[in-house]
Amino acid sequence: MSGFIYFLIPIALAATAVILAVGIYSLARGGAFARQHSNKLMRLRVAAQAIAVALMMLFLWLAGSNGG
């Protein structure tokens, strides 16, 4: 199980980075897209970041319980 989580962590981190980059780009350009989607992108980034942190904590917990 921890091996599967080991591969999910970089995917979650990459998703967070992509969402952050799209949000920053849309805010820099401005316009209608930024007005309509900036708040949604920020919420999506926070959710992706929370998932990434939860996966890292789960991986550390599983690694610690197997090593002791």
C-alpha atoms as a PDB file:
ATOM      1  CA  MET A   1       0.000   0.000   0.000  1.00  0.00           C
ATOM      2  CA  SER A   2       2.761   2.475   0.855  1.00  0.00           C
ATOM      3  CA  GLY A   3       4.337   1.785  -2.539  1.00  0.00           C
ATOM      4  CA  PHE A   4       1.148   2.925  -4.252  1.00  0.00           C
ATOM      5  CA  ILE A   5       1.028   6.080  -2.139  1.00  0.00           C
ATOM      6  CA  TYR A   6       4.687   6.683  -2.984  1.00  0.00           C
ATOM      7  CA  PHE A   7       3.645   7.152  -6.633  1.00  0.00           C
ATOM      8  CA  LEU A   8       0.555   9.228  -5.819  1.00  0.00           C
ATOM      9  CA  ILE A   9       2.511  11.893  -3.925  1.00  0.00           C
ATOM     10  CA  PRO A  10       4.364  13.302  -6.985  1.00  0.00           C
ATOM     11  CA  ILE A  11       1.119  13.289  -8.955  1.00  0.00           C
ATOM     12  CA  ALA A  12      -0.624  15.295  -6.242  1.00  0.00           C
ATOM     13  CA  LEU A  13       2.320  17.697  -6.019  1.00  0.00           C
ATOM     14  CA  ALA A  14       2.342  18.161  -9.795  1.00  0.00           C
ATOM     15  CA  ALA A  15      -1.405  18.771  -9.855  1.00  0.00           C
ATOM     16  CA  THR A  16      -0.999  21.424  -7.157  1.00  0.00           C
ATOM     17  CA  ALA A  17       1.800  23.112  -9.104  1.00  0.00           C
ATOM     18  CA  VAL A  18      -0.177  23.088 -12.370  1.00  0.00           C
ATOM     19  CA  ILE A  19      -3.278  24.546 -10.717  1.00  0.00           C
ATOM     20  CA  LEU A  20      -1.133  27.200  -9.020  1.00  0.00           C
ATOM     21  CA  ALA A  21       0.547  28.096 -12.330  1.00  0.00           C
ATOM     22  CA  VAL A  22      -2.787  28.397 -14.150  1.00  0.00           C
ATOM     23  CA  GLY A  23      -4.142  30.580 -11.354  1.00  0.00           C
ATOM     24  CA  ILE A  24      -1.132  32.894 -11.359  1.00  0.00           C
ATOM     25  CA  TYR A  25      -1.212  33.120 -15.156  1.00  0.00           C
ATOM     26  CA  SER A  26      -4.917  33.957 -15.193  1.00  0.00           C
ATOM     27  CA  LEU A  27      -4.487  36.641 -12.547  1.00  0.00           C
ATOM     28  CA  ALA A  28      -1.544  38.149 -14.436  1.00  0.00           C
ATOM     29  CA  ARG A  29      -3.534  38.331 -17.663  1.00  0.00           C
ATOM     30  CA  GLY A  30      -6.728  39.540 -16.021  1.00  0.00           C
ATOM     31  CA  GLY A  31      -9.891  39.755 -18.058  1.00  0.00           C
ATOM     32  CA  ALA A  32     -13.067  37.738 -18.008  1.00  0.00           C
ATOM     33  CA  PHE A  33     -11.404  34.377 -17.368  1.00  0.00           C
ATOM     34  CA  ALA A  34      -9.699  35.662 -14.226  1.00  0.00           C
ATOM     35  CA  ARG A  35     -12.920  37.215 -12.940  1.00  0.00           C
ATOM     36  CA  GLN A  36     -14.872  34.018 -13.486  1.00  0.00           C
ATOM     37  CA  HIS A  37     -12.348  31.393 -12.413  1.00  0.00           C
ATOM     38  CA  SER A  38      -9.766  32.827 -10.003  1.00  0.00           C
ATOM     39  CA  ASN A  39     -11.706  31.954  -6.842  1.00  0.00           C
ATOM     40  CA  LYS A  40     -12.495  28.455  -8.137  1.00  0.00           C
ATOM     41  CA  LEU A  41      -8.832  27.869  -9.034  1.00  0.00           C
ATOM     42  CA  MET A  42      -7.734  28.995  -5.574  1.00  0.00           C
ATOM     43  CA  ARG A  43     -10.163  26.579  -3.916  1.00  0.00           C
ATOM     44  CA  LEU A  44      -9.059  23.762  -6.215  1.00  0.00           C
ATOM     45  CA  ARG A  45      -5.406  24.478  -5.399  1.00  0.00           C
ATOM     46  CA  VAL A  46      -6.087  24.385  -1.672  1.00  0.00           C
ATOM     47  CA  ALA A  47      -7.922  21.067  -2.073  1.00  0.00           C
ATOM     48  CA  ALA A  48      -5.092  19.567  -4.149  1.00  0.00           C
ATOM     49  CA  GLN A  49      -2.551  20.806  -1.629  1.00  0.00           C
ATOM     50  CA  ALA A  50      -4.527  19.267   1.243  1.00  0.00           C
ATOM     51  CA  ILE A  51      -4.655  15.939  -0.604  1.00  0.00           C
ATOM     52  CA  ALA A  52      -0.890  16.074  -1.209  1.00  0.00           C
ATOM     53  CA  VAL A  53      -0.178  16.787   2.465  1.00  0.00           C
ATOM     54  CA  ALA A  54      -2.583  14.040   3.565  1.00  0.00           C
ATOM     55  CA  LEU A  55      -0.872  11.537   1.259  1.00  0.00           C
ATOM     56  CA  MET A  56       2.537  12.508   2.635  1.00  0.00           C
ATOM     57  CA  MET A  57       1.324  12.123   6.207  1.00  0.00           C
ATOM     58  CA  LEU A  58      -0.269   8.757   5.393  1.00  0.00           C
ATOM     59  CA  PHE A  59       2.972   7.587   3.764  1.00  0.00           C
ATOM     60  CA  LEU A  60       5.011   8.657   6.807  1.00  0.00           C
ATOM     61  CA  TRP A  61       2.555   6.964   9.171  1.00  0.00           C
ATOM     62  CA  LEU A  62       2.648   3.719   7.181  1.00  0.00           C
ATOM     63  CA  ALA A  63       6.453   3.834   6.916  1.00  0.00           C
ATOM     64  CA  GLY A  64       6.760   4.416  10.656  1.00  0.00           C
ATOM     65  CA  SER A  65       4.387   1.631  11.608  1.00  0.00           C
ATOM     66  CA  ASN A  66       6.243  -0.882   9.416  1.00  0.00           C
ATOM     67  CA  GLY A  67       9.711   0.133  10.572  1.00  0.00           C
ATOM     68  CA  GLY A  68       9.214  -0.157  14.331  1.00  0.00           C
END
